[in-house]
Amino acid sequence: SRPVVGTYAQGKITKATTTLPHVFLTPIRDDVVRDVHTRMAKNHRQPYAVSKVAGEQTSAISWGTGRAVARIPRVSGGGTHRSGQGAFGNMCRKGRMFAPNKVWRRWHRRINVEEKRFAMASAIAATAIPALVMARGHRISQVPEIPLVIDTNSVSTLSKTKAAVELLKEVKAYEDVEKVRDNVTQ
């Protein structure tokens, strides 16, 4: 049998209890959740690259050996500070970068559907453990029960934010809202 949780209406516990959905019994695998989250975050990236010719738009050639200088290509010509300076290499000023970024890099990562579903179920199941919720920084020490189930009729009749705030205060969940509000930059 699945665990039951009390139902709250207008801040007071009702006689009704409800069984927890089966998703709350999913094994908690934070490694899977983290891995799926990391891979999903990569699927919003847009390709970027440096110019194909960046750092190589100069005529330069190596001086070869026997002149007591490095064999890096050097800018040809004379009459300017630039002539004789190293060019092209990633260690040179105004040279190209090492391994220039290309747009055909593998930006996105595919995720197995079952793995994605399991990660979602595992993350939902973790919200039912007060220690894990508090470790995330949520202020739930006064909340009577986790997960907190509020009667549908109490919520569906709300039409003003003021009433929603009153309901959260009655179930002692408003402390977490205040913590979020204080952290928001104005």
N, C-alpha and C. Protein backbone atom coordinates (compact mmCIF):
# COMPACT_ATOMS: atom_id res chain seq x y z
N SER A 1 0.84 -1.19 0.00
CA SER A 1 0.00 0.00 0.00
C SER A 1 0.87 1.25 0.00
N ARG A 2 0.41 2.26 -0.71
CA ARG A 2 1.17 3.49 -0.82
C ARG A 2 0.94 4.36 0.41
N PRO A 3 1.92 5.21 0.74
CA PRO A 3 1.74 6.11 1.87
C PRO A 3 0.62 7.12 1.61
N VAL A 4 0.01 7.58 2.68
CA VAL A 4 -1.05 8.57 2.55
C VAL A 4 -0.56 9.90 3.10
N VAL A 5 -1.19 10.97 2.66
CA VAL A 5 -0.82 12.30 3.09
C VAL A 5 -2.10 13.07 3.37
N GLY A 6 -2.07 13.92 4.40
CA GLY A 6 -3.25 14.69 4.78
C GLY A 6 -3.55 15.79 3.77
N THR A 7 -4.83 16.13 3.68
CA THR A 7 -5.26 17.20 2.78
C THR A 7 -5.61 18.42 3.59
N TYR A 8 -5.16 19.59 3.13
CA TYR A 8 -5.40 20.83 3.85
C TYR A 8 -6.37 21.70 3.05
N ALA A 9 -7.27 22.36 3.80
CA ALA A 9 -8.21 23.29 3.19
C ALA A 9 -8.28 24.51 4.09
N GLN A 10 -8.08 25.67 3.51
CA GLN A 10 -8.08 26.93 4.26
C GLN A 10 -7.17 26.86 5.48
N GLY A 11 -6.04 26.22 5.33
CA GLY A 11 -5.03 26.20 6.37
C GLY A 11 -5.23 25.16 7.45
N LYS A 12 -6.35 24.47 7.45
CA LYS A 12 -6.62 23.46 8.47
C LYS A 12 -6.65 22.09 7.81
N ILE A 13 -6.17 21.10 8.55
CA ILE A 13 -6.17 19.75 8.00
C ILE A 13 -7.61 19.23 7.97
N THR A 14 -7.99 18.62 6.88
CA THR A 14 -9.32 18.05 6.76
C THR A 14 -9.27 16.60 7.18
N LYS A 15 -10.42 16.01 7.27
CA LYS A 15 -10.47 14.59 7.62
C LYS A 15 -9.96 13.73 6.46
N ALA A 16 -10.00 14.30 5.27
CA ALA A 16 -9.64 13.53 4.09
C ALA A 16 -8.13 13.31 4.01
N THR A 17 -7.77 12.11 3.59
CA THR A 17 -6.38 11.82 3.26
C THR A 17 -6.35 11.29 1.84
N THR A 18 -5.23 11.44 1.22
CA THR A 18 -5.10 10.94 -0.14
C THR A 18 -3.81 10.14 -0.25
N THR A 19 -3.86 9.13 -1.09
CA THR A 19 -2.64 8.32 -1.27
C THR A 19 -1.68 9.10 -2.16
N LEU A 20 -0.42 8.97 -1.86
CA LEU A 20 0.59 9.64 -2.68
C LEU A 20 0.62 9.00 -4.06
N PRO A 21 0.78 9.79 -5.10
CA PRO A 21 0.92 9.20 -6.43
C PRO A 21 2.15 8.28 -6.48
N HIS A 22 2.09 7.34 -7.37
CA HIS A 22 3.13 6.32 -7.46
C HIS A 22 4.49 6.92 -7.80
N VAL A 23 4.48 8.11 -8.42
CA VAL A 23 5.74 8.73 -8.83
C VAL A 23 6.63 9.05 -7.63
N PHE A 24 6.02 9.25 -6.45
CA PHE A 24 6.79 9.58 -5.26
C PHE A 24 7.56 8.38 -4.70
N LEU A 25 7.29 7.19 -5.23
CA LEU A 25 8.01 6.00 -4.78
C LEU A 25 9.18 5.66 -5.71
N THR A 26 9.42 6.51 -6.70
CA THR A 26 10.52 6.28 -7.63
C THR A 26 11.85 6.38 -6.89
N PRO A 27 12.80 5.50 -7.18
CA PRO A 27 14.12 5.62 -6.54
C PRO A 27 14.77 6.96 -6.89
N ILE A 28 15.42 7.55 -5.90
CA ILE A 28 16.05 8.86 -6.12
C ILE A 28 17.47 8.63 -6.60
N ARG A 29 17.73 9.03 -7.84
CA ARG A 29 19.04 8.89 -8.45
C ARG A 29 19.52 10.27 -8.87
N ASP A 30 20.21 10.96 -7.98
CA ASP A 30 20.64 12.31 -8.29
C ASP A 30 21.67 12.32 -9.43
N ASP A 31 22.40 11.21 -9.59
CA ASP A 31 23.37 11.17 -10.68
C ASP A 31 22.67 11.17 -12.04
N VAL A 32 21.55 10.44 -12.13
CA VAL A 32 20.80 10.40 -13.39
C VAL A 32 20.16 11.76 -13.66
N VAL A 33 19.60 12.36 -12.61
CA VAL A 33 18.95 13.67 -12.76
C VAL A 33 19.97 14.70 -13.24
N ARG A 34 21.15 14.70 -12.62
CA ARG A 34 22.18 15.67 -12.98
C ARG A 34 22.65 15.46 -14.42
N ASP A 35 22.84 14.19 -14.79
CA ASP A 35 23.33 13.87 -16.13
C ASP A 35 22.32 14.29 -17.20
N VAL A 36 21.04 13.98 -16.97
CA VAL A 36 20.00 14.34 -17.94
C VAL A 36 19.86 15.85 -18.02
N HIS A 37 19.92 16.51 -16.87
CA HIS A 37 19.80 17.98 -16.86
C HIS A 37 20.95 18.61 -17.64
N THR A 38 22.16 18.10 -17.45
CA THR A 38 23.32 18.64 -18.15
C THR A 38 23.18 18.47 -19.66
N ARG A 39 22.72 17.28 -20.06
CA ARG A 39 22.60 17.03 -21.49
C ARG A 39 21.45 17.82 -22.11
N MET A 40 20.35 17.99 -21.36
CA MET A 40 19.24 18.77 -21.89
C MET A 40 19.63 20.24 -22.04
N ALA A 41 20.45 20.75 -21.12
CA ALA A 41 20.86 22.15 -21.20
C ALA A 41 21.68 22.42 -22.45
N LYS A 42 22.37 21.40 -22.95
CA LYS A 42 23.19 21.58 -24.14
C LYS A 42 22.35 21.69 -25.40
N ASN A 43 21.08 21.32 -25.34
CA ASN A 43 20.24 21.33 -26.54
C ASN A 43 19.67 22.70 -26.87
N HIS A 44 20.02 23.72 -26.09
CA HIS A 44 19.57 25.07 -26.40
C HIS A 44 20.70 25.91 -26.98
N ARG A 45 21.87 25.32 -27.13
CA ARG A 45 23.01 26.10 -27.58
C ARG A 45 22.94 26.40 -29.07
N GLN A 46 23.45 27.58 -29.44
CA GLN A 46 23.57 27.92 -30.85
C GLN A 46 25.04 27.82 -31.25
N PRO A 47 25.31 27.35 -32.46
CA PRO A 47 26.71 27.23 -32.89
C PRO A 47 27.41 28.59 -32.94
N TYR A 48 28.67 28.59 -32.59
CA TYR A 48 29.50 29.79 -32.76
C TYR A 48 30.85 29.36 -33.28
N ALA A 49 31.53 30.27 -33.94
CA ALA A 49 32.85 29.96 -34.49
C ALA A 49 33.58 31.26 -34.74
N VAL A 50 34.90 31.16 -34.87
CA VAL A 50 35.68 32.32 -35.27
C VAL A 50 35.77 32.31 -36.79
N SER A 51 36.16 33.45 -37.35
CA SER A 51 36.28 33.55 -38.80
C SER A 51 37.31 32.53 -39.31
N LYS A 52 37.02 32.01 -40.49
CA LYS A 52 37.88 31.00 -41.09
C LYS A 52 39.28 31.54 -41.39
N VAL A 53 39.36 32.84 -41.67
CA VAL A 53 40.65 33.43 -42.05
C VAL A 53 41.28 34.25 -40.94
N ALA A 54 40.65 34.28 -39.74
CA ALA A 54 41.15 35.12 -38.66
C ALA A 54 42.58 34.71 -38.30
N GLY A 55 43.48 35.73 -38.19
CA GLY A 55 44.85 35.49 -37.79
C GLY A 55 45.75 34.98 -38.89
N GLU A 56 45.19 34.81 -40.10
CA GLU A 56 46.02 34.31 -41.20
C GLU A 56 45.92 35.23 -42.42
N GLN A 57 45.54 36.48 -42.18
CA GLN A 57 45.39 37.43 -43.28
C GLN A 57 46.63 38.31 -43.41
N THR A 58 47.77 37.70 -43.43
CA THR A 58 49.02 38.42 -43.62
C THR A 58 49.96 37.53 -44.40
N SER A 59 50.89 38.14 -45.09
CA SER A 59 51.87 37.31 -45.80
C SER A 59 53.05 37.11 -44.87
N ALA A 60 53.31 35.88 -44.54
CA ALA A 60 54.41 35.57 -43.62
C ALA A 60 55.04 34.25 -44.03
N ILE A 61 56.30 34.14 -43.79
CA ILE A 61 57.02 32.91 -44.11
C ILE A 61 58.15 32.74 -43.09
N SER A 62 58.48 31.50 -42.81
CA SER A 62 59.53 31.24 -41.82
C SER A 62 60.89 31.66 -42.36
N TRP A 63 61.75 32.14 -41.49
CA TRP A 63 63.12 32.50 -41.88
C TRP A 63 64.00 31.26 -41.95
N GLY A 64 63.48 30.13 -41.51
CA GLY A 64 64.27 28.91 -41.54
C GLY A 64 65.25 28.85 -40.37
N THR A 65 66.19 27.92 -40.46
CA THR A 65 67.16 27.75 -39.38
C THR A 65 68.40 28.59 -39.64
N GLY A 66 69.22 28.72 -38.63
CA GLY A 66 70.51 29.38 -38.80
C GLY A 66 70.50 30.87 -38.55
N ARG A 67 69.38 31.42 -38.05
CA ARG A 67 69.36 32.86 -37.79
C ARG A 67 69.09 33.15 -36.32
N ALA A 68 69.19 32.13 -35.47
CA ALA A 68 69.07 32.27 -34.01
C ALA A 68 67.72 32.82 -33.58
N VAL A 69 66.67 32.51 -34.33
CA VAL A 69 65.30 32.89 -33.94
C VAL A 69 64.42 31.66 -34.16
N ALA A 70 63.25 31.68 -33.54
CA ALA A 70 62.33 30.57 -33.68
C ALA A 70 61.86 30.44 -35.12
N ARG A 71 61.48 29.22 -35.49
CA ARG A 71 61.12 28.96 -36.89
C ARG A 71 59.67 29.32 -37.22
N ILE A 72 59.02 30.09 -36.33
CA ILE A 72 57.64 30.52 -36.59
C ILE A 72 57.61 31.41 -37.84
N PRO A 73 56.56 31.36 -38.65
CA PRO A 73 56.49 32.28 -39.79
C PRO A 73 56.57 33.74 -39.32
N ARG A 74 57.24 34.56 -40.12
CA ARG A 74 57.42 35.97 -39.76
C ARG A 74 56.91 36.85 -40.89
N VAL A 75 56.34 38.00 -40.49
CA VAL A 75 55.77 38.92 -41.46
C VAL A 75 56.89 39.46 -42.35
N SER A 76 56.66 39.42 -43.66
CA SER A 76 57.68 39.88 -44.60
C SER A 76 57.60 41.40 -44.77
N GLY A 77 58.55 41.94 -45.45
CA GLY A 77 58.57 43.37 -45.72
C GLY A 77 59.45 44.13 -44.75
N GLY A 78 59.39 45.47 -44.82
CA GLY A 78 60.18 46.31 -43.94
C GLY A 78 59.51 47.65 -43.76
N GLY A 79 60.16 48.53 -43.01
CA GLY A 79 59.64 49.87 -42.83
C GLY A 79 58.53 50.00 -41.81
N THR A 80 58.27 48.96 -41.05
CA THR A 80 57.22 49.04 -40.03
C THR A 80 57.57 48.07 -38.90
N HIS A 81 56.99 48.32 -37.72
CA HIS A 81 57.24 47.43 -36.59
C HIS A 81 56.73 46.02 -36.86
N ARG A 82 55.72 45.94 -37.70
CA ARG A 82 55.09 44.64 -37.93
C ARG A 82 56.02 43.68 -38.66
N SER A 83 56.85 44.17 -39.53
CA SER A 83 57.71 43.27 -40.31
C SER A 83 58.69 42.56 -39.38
N GLY A 84 58.83 41.28 -39.60
CA GLY A 84 59.71 40.47 -38.78
C GLY A 84 59.03 39.88 -37.56
N GLN A 85 57.80 40.34 -37.24
CA GLN A 85 57.09 39.78 -36.09
C GLN A 85 56.53 38.40 -36.44
N GLY A 86 56.39 37.55 -35.43
CA GLY A 86 55.82 36.22 -35.64
C GLY A 86 54.37 36.33 -36.07
N ALA A 87 53.93 35.38 -36.86
CA ALA A 87 52.55 35.41 -37.36
C ALA A 87 51.98 33.99 -37.40
N PHE A 88 50.69 33.92 -37.59
CA PHE A 88 49.92 32.67 -37.79
C PHE A 88 49.79 31.81 -36.54
N GLY A 89 50.82 31.61 -35.79
CA GLY A 89 50.78 30.65 -34.67
C GLY A 89 49.88 31.12 -33.54
N ASN A 90 49.40 30.18 -32.75
CA ASN A 90 48.53 30.54 -31.63
C ASN A 90 49.30 31.22 -30.51
N MET A 91 50.63 31.12 -30.54
CA MET A 91 51.42 31.78 -29.49
C MET A 91 51.83 33.18 -29.91
N CYS A 92 51.45 33.60 -31.11
CA CYS A 92 51.87 34.90 -31.63
C CYS A 92 50.78 35.95 -31.42
N ARG A 93 51.24 37.18 -31.20
CA ARG A 93 50.30 38.29 -31.18
C ARG A 93 49.70 38.42 -32.58
N LYS A 94 48.40 38.59 -32.63
CA LYS A 94 47.64 38.69 -33.89
C LYS A 94 47.63 37.39 -34.67
N GLY A 95 47.97 36.28 -34.04
CA GLY A 95 47.90 34.99 -34.72
C GLY A 95 46.53 34.35 -34.50
N ARG A 96 46.27 33.25 -35.18
CA ARG A 96 44.99 32.56 -34.99
C ARG A 96 45.02 31.78 -33.69
N MET A 97 43.85 31.45 -33.21
CA MET A 97 43.74 30.65 -31.99
C MET A 97 44.11 29.20 -32.28
N PHE A 98 44.41 28.46 -31.23
CA PHE A 98 44.65 27.02 -31.40
C PHE A 98 43.32 26.33 -31.66
N ALA A 99 43.26 25.45 -32.63
CA ALA A 99 42.07 24.68 -32.98
C ALA A 99 40.84 25.58 -33.04
N PRO A 100 40.75 26.45 -34.05
CA PRO A 100 39.64 27.41 -34.12
C PRO A 100 38.28 26.72 -34.03
N ASN A 101 37.35 27.39 -33.33
CA ASN A 101 36.00 26.84 -33.17
C ASN A 101 35.34 26.67 -34.53
N LYS A 102 34.64 25.56 -34.69
CA LYS A 102 33.92 25.31 -35.94
C LYS A 102 32.44 25.14 -35.64
N VAL A 103 31.59 25.51 -36.60
CA VAL A 103 30.15 25.40 -36.36
C VAL A 103 29.68 23.95 -36.43
N TRP A 104 30.51 23.06 -36.97
CA TRP A 104 30.08 21.66 -37.06
C TRP A 104 30.47 20.85 -35.83
N ARG A 105 30.83 21.51 -34.77
CA ARG A 105 31.03 20.82 -33.50
C ARG A 105 29.72 20.13 -33.11
N ARG A 106 29.79 19.09 -32.31
CA ARG A 106 28.57 18.40 -31.87
C ARG A 106 27.99 19.15 -30.67
N TRP A 107 27.06 20.04 -30.94
CA TRP A 107 26.52 20.92 -29.90
C TRP A 107 25.45 20.24 -29.07
N HIS A 108 24.63 19.42 -29.69
CA HIS A 108 23.46 18.84 -29.01
C HIS A 108 23.74 17.42 -28.56
N ARG A 109 22.98 16.98 -27.59
CA ARG A 109 23.11 15.62 -27.07
C ARG A 109 21.73 14.96 -27.05
N ARG A 110 21.64 13.77 -27.58
CA ARG A 110 20.36 13.08 -27.51
C ARG A 110 20.24 12.37 -26.17
N ILE A 111 19.01 12.24 -25.71
CA ILE A 111 18.74 11.60 -24.41
C ILE A 111 17.66 10.56 -24.63
N ASN A 112 17.87 9.37 -24.09
CA ASN A 112 16.85 8.34 -24.19
C ASN A 112 15.58 8.81 -23.51
N VAL A 113 14.44 8.53 -24.13
CA VAL A 113 13.16 8.98 -23.60
C VAL A 113 12.91 8.38 -22.22
N GLU A 114 13.21 7.09 -22.08
CA GLU A 114 12.99 6.43 -20.79
C GLU A 114 13.87 7.04 -19.70
N GLU A 115 15.10 7.38 -20.07
CA GLU A 115 16.02 7.97 -19.11
C GLU A 115 15.52 9.35 -18.69
N LYS A 116 14.99 10.11 -19.65
CA LYS A 116 14.46 11.44 -19.36
C LYS A 116 13.24 11.33 -18.43
N ARG A 117 12.40 10.36 -18.70
CA ARG A 117 11.20 10.17 -17.87
C ARG A 117 11.59 9.74 -16.46
N PHE A 118 12.58 8.85 -16.37
CA PHE A 118 13.01 8.39 -15.05
C PHE A 118 13.62 9.54 -14.26
N ALA A 119 14.40 10.40 -14.93
CA ALA A 119 15.01 11.55 -14.25
C ALA A 119 13.93 12.49 -13.72
N MET A 120 12.89 12.71 -14.51
CA MET A 120 11.79 13.58 -14.07
C MET A 120 11.08 12.97 -12.87
N ALA A 121 10.80 11.67 -12.93
CA ALA A 121 10.12 11.00 -11.82
C ALA A 121 10.99 11.00 -10.57
N SER A 122 12.29 10.81 -10.75
CA SER A 122 13.21 10.80 -9.62
C SER A 122 13.28 12.18 -8.96
N ALA A 123 13.28 13.23 -9.79
CA ALA A 123 13.31 14.59 -9.25
C ALA A 123 12.03 14.91 -8.49
N ILE A 124 10.90 14.44 -9.01
CA ILE A 124 9.62 14.67 -8.32
C ILE A 124 9.61 13.92 -6.99
N ALA A 125 10.12 12.68 -6.99
CA ALA A 125 10.15 11.89 -5.76
C ALA A 125 11.02 12.56 -4.70
N ALA A 126 12.08 13.24 -5.12
CA ALA A 126 12.97 13.91 -4.17
C ALA A 126 12.28 15.07 -3.46
N THR A 127 11.23 15.64 -4.07
CA THR A 127 10.53 16.76 -3.44
C THR A 127 9.69 16.31 -2.24
N ALA A 128 9.54 15.01 -2.05
CA ALA A 128 8.76 14.51 -0.93
C ALA A 128 9.62 14.24 0.30
N ILE A 129 10.91 14.49 0.21
CA ILE A 129 11.82 14.25 1.34
C ILE A 129 12.25 15.59 1.91
N PRO A 130 11.76 15.93 3.10
CA PRO A 130 12.02 17.27 3.66
C PRO A 130 13.51 17.62 3.75
N ALA A 131 14.35 16.65 4.08
CA ALA A 131 15.78 16.95 4.21
C ALA A 131 16.37 17.42 2.88
N LEU A 132 15.97 16.78 1.79
CA LEU A 132 16.48 17.18 0.48
C LEU A 132 15.93 18.54 0.05
N VAL A 133 14.66 18.78 0.38
CA VAL A 133 14.05 20.07 0.03
C VAL A 133 14.73 21.20 0.80
N MET A 134 14.99 20.96 2.09
CA MET A 134 15.66 21.99 2.90
C MET A 134 17.10 22.18 2.47
N ALA A 135 17.74 21.11 2.00
CA ALA A 135 19.11 21.23 1.52
C ALA A 135 19.19 22.11 0.29
N ARG A 136 18.10 22.21 -0.47
CA ARG A 136 18.05 23.08 -1.63
C ARG A 136 17.87 24.54 -1.23
N GLY A 137 17.64 24.79 0.07
CA GLY A 137 17.51 26.17 0.53
C GLY A 137 16.09 26.63 0.76
N HIS A 138 15.12 25.73 0.62
CA HIS A 138 13.72 26.13 0.84
C HIS A 138 13.42 26.22 2.33
N ARG A 139 12.59 27.19 2.70
CA ARG A 139 12.22 27.41 4.09
C ARG A 139 10.91 26.67 4.37
N ILE A 140 11.01 25.44 4.83
CA ILE A 140 9.80 24.63 5.04
C ILE A 140 9.72 24.09 6.45
N SER A 141 10.47 24.67 7.38
CA SER A 141 10.50 24.13 8.74
C SER A 141 9.14 24.23 9.44
N GLN A 142 8.31 25.21 9.05
CA GLN A 142 7.00 25.39 9.68
C GLN A 142 5.88 24.66 8.94
N VAL A 143 6.18 24.21 7.73
CA VAL A 143 5.14 23.54 6.93
C VAL A 143 4.77 22.23 7.63
N PRO A 144 3.47 21.99 7.82
CA PRO A 144 3.07 20.81 8.61
C PRO A 144 3.42 19.47 7.98
N GLU A 145 3.46 19.41 6.65
CA GLU A 145 3.66 18.11 6.01
C GLU A 145 4.26 18.32 4.62
N ILE A 146 5.16 17.44 4.26
CA ILE A 146 5.75 17.46 2.92
C ILE A 146 5.53 16.08 2.30
N PRO A 147 4.95 15.95 1.12
CA PRO A 147 4.43 17.02 0.28
C PRO A 147 3.14 17.61 0.85
N LEU A 148 2.95 18.89 0.62
CA LEU A 148 1.78 19.62 1.13
C LEU A 148 0.68 19.54 0.08
N VAL A 149 -0.44 18.92 0.46
CA VAL A 149 -1.57 18.77 -0.47
C VAL A 149 -2.69 19.70 0.00
N ILE A 150 -3.07 20.63 -0.88
CA ILE A 150 -4.13 21.58 -0.57
C ILE A 150 -5.35 21.21 -1.39
N ASP A 151 -6.51 21.26 -0.75
CA ASP A 151 -7.76 20.89 -1.38
C ASP A 151 -8.00 21.74 -2.63
N THR A 152 -8.48 21.11 -3.69
CA THR A 152 -8.68 21.81 -4.95
C THR A 152 -9.66 22.97 -4.82
N ASN A 153 -10.70 22.77 -4.02
CA ASN A 153 -11.71 23.82 -3.88
C ASN A 153 -11.12 25.07 -3.23
N SER A 154 -10.16 24.89 -2.33
CA SER A 154 -9.54 26.03 -1.68
C SER A 154 -8.74 26.87 -2.67
N VAL A 155 -8.15 26.22 -3.65
CA VAL A 155 -7.27 26.91 -4.59
C VAL A 155 -8.05 27.46 -5.78
N SER A 156 -9.01 26.68 -6.30
CA SER A 156 -9.71 27.09 -7.52
C SER A 156 -10.59 28.31 -7.31
N THR A 157 -11.00 28.58 -6.07
CA THR A 157 -11.86 29.75 -5.81
C THR A 157 -11.05 31.03 -5.66
N LEU A 158 -9.72 30.92 -5.59
CA LEU A 158 -8.90 32.12 -5.41
C LEU A 158 -8.87 32.94 -6.70
N SER A 159 -9.12 34.25 -6.56
CA SER A 159 -9.07 35.12 -7.73
C SER A 159 -8.10 36.28 -7.52
N LYS A 160 -7.65 36.49 -6.30
CA LYS A 160 -6.74 37.60 -6.00
C LYS A 160 -5.44 37.05 -5.41
N THR A 161 -4.36 37.75 -5.69
CA THR A 161 -3.07 37.36 -5.12
C THR A 161 -3.10 37.44 -3.60
N LYS A 162 -3.82 38.44 -3.08
CA LYS A 162 -3.93 38.62 -1.63
C LYS A 162 -4.51 37.37 -0.97
N ALA A 163 -5.51 36.77 -1.61
CA ALA A 163 -6.12 35.56 -1.06
C ALA A 163 -5.13 34.38 -1.12
N ALA A 164 -4.35 34.33 -2.20
CA ALA A 164 -3.36 33.26 -2.31
C ALA A 164 -2.29 33.41 -1.23
N VAL A 165 -1.89 34.64 -0.95
CA VAL A 165 -0.91 34.90 0.10
C VAL A 165 -1.46 34.47 1.46
N GLU A 166 -2.74 34.78 1.70
CA GLU A 166 -3.38 34.37 2.96
C GLU A 166 -3.39 32.85 3.10
N LEU A 167 -3.69 32.15 2.00
CA LEU A 167 -3.71 30.69 2.04
C LEU A 167 -2.32 30.14 2.35
N LEU A 168 -1.30 30.71 1.71
CA LEU A 168 0.07 30.25 1.96
C LEU A 168 0.48 30.53 3.41
N LYS A 169 0.03 31.65 3.96
CA LYS A 169 0.34 31.96 5.36
C LYS A 169 -0.36 30.99 6.30
N GLU A 170 -1.58 30.60 5.95
CA GLU A 170 -2.32 29.67 6.80
C GLU A 170 -1.65 28.30 6.86
N VAL A 171 -1.08 27.87 5.75
CA VAL A 171 -0.41 26.56 5.75
C VAL A 171 1.08 26.70 6.07
N LYS A 172 1.48 27.91 6.45
CA LYS A 172 2.86 28.21 6.89
C LYS A 172 3.89 27.95 5.79
N ALA A 173 3.50 28.21 4.54
CA ALA A 173 4.41 28.03 3.42
C ALA A 173 4.88 29.37 2.86
N TYR A 174 4.45 30.47 3.48
CA TYR A 174 4.78 31.80 2.94
C TYR A 174 6.22 32.20 3.23
N GLU A 175 6.84 31.56 4.22
CA GLU A 175 8.24 31.89 4.56
C GLU A 175 9.17 31.64 3.36
N ASP A 176 8.87 30.60 2.61
CA ASP A 176 9.68 30.29 1.43
C ASP A 176 9.49 31.35 0.35
N VAL A 177 8.27 31.85 0.21
CA VAL A 177 8.00 32.91 -0.76
C VAL A 177 8.76 34.17 -0.39
N GLU A 178 8.79 34.49 0.90
CA GLU A 178 9.52 35.68 1.36
C GLU A 178 11.01 35.55 1.08
N LYS A 179 11.53 34.34 1.26
CA LYS A 179 12.95 34.11 0.98
C LYS A 179 13.24 34.37 -0.49
N VAL A 180 12.38 33.93 -1.37
CA VAL A 180 12.56 34.15 -2.80
C VAL A 180 12.44 35.63 -3.11
N ARG A 181 11.46 36.29 -2.50
CA ARG A 181 11.25 37.72 -2.76
C ARG A 181 12.45 38.55 -2.31
N ASP A 182 13.06 38.17 -1.21
CA ASP A 182 14.21 38.92 -0.71
C ASP A 182 15.44 38.73 -1.59
N ASN A 183 15.51 37.59 -2.30
CA ASN A 183 16.67 37.33 -3.14
C ASN A 183 16.55 37.95 -4.52
N VAL A 184 15.36 38.40 -4.89
CA VAL A 184 15.16 38.97 -6.22
C VAL A 184 15.82 40.34 -6.26
N THR A 185 16.62 40.57 -7.28
CA THR A 185 17.26 41.90 -7.43
C THR A 185 16.25 42.87 -7.99
N GLN A 186 16.20 44.05 -7.39
CA GLN A 186 15.22 45.05 -7.82
C GLN A 186 15.71 45.82 -9.01
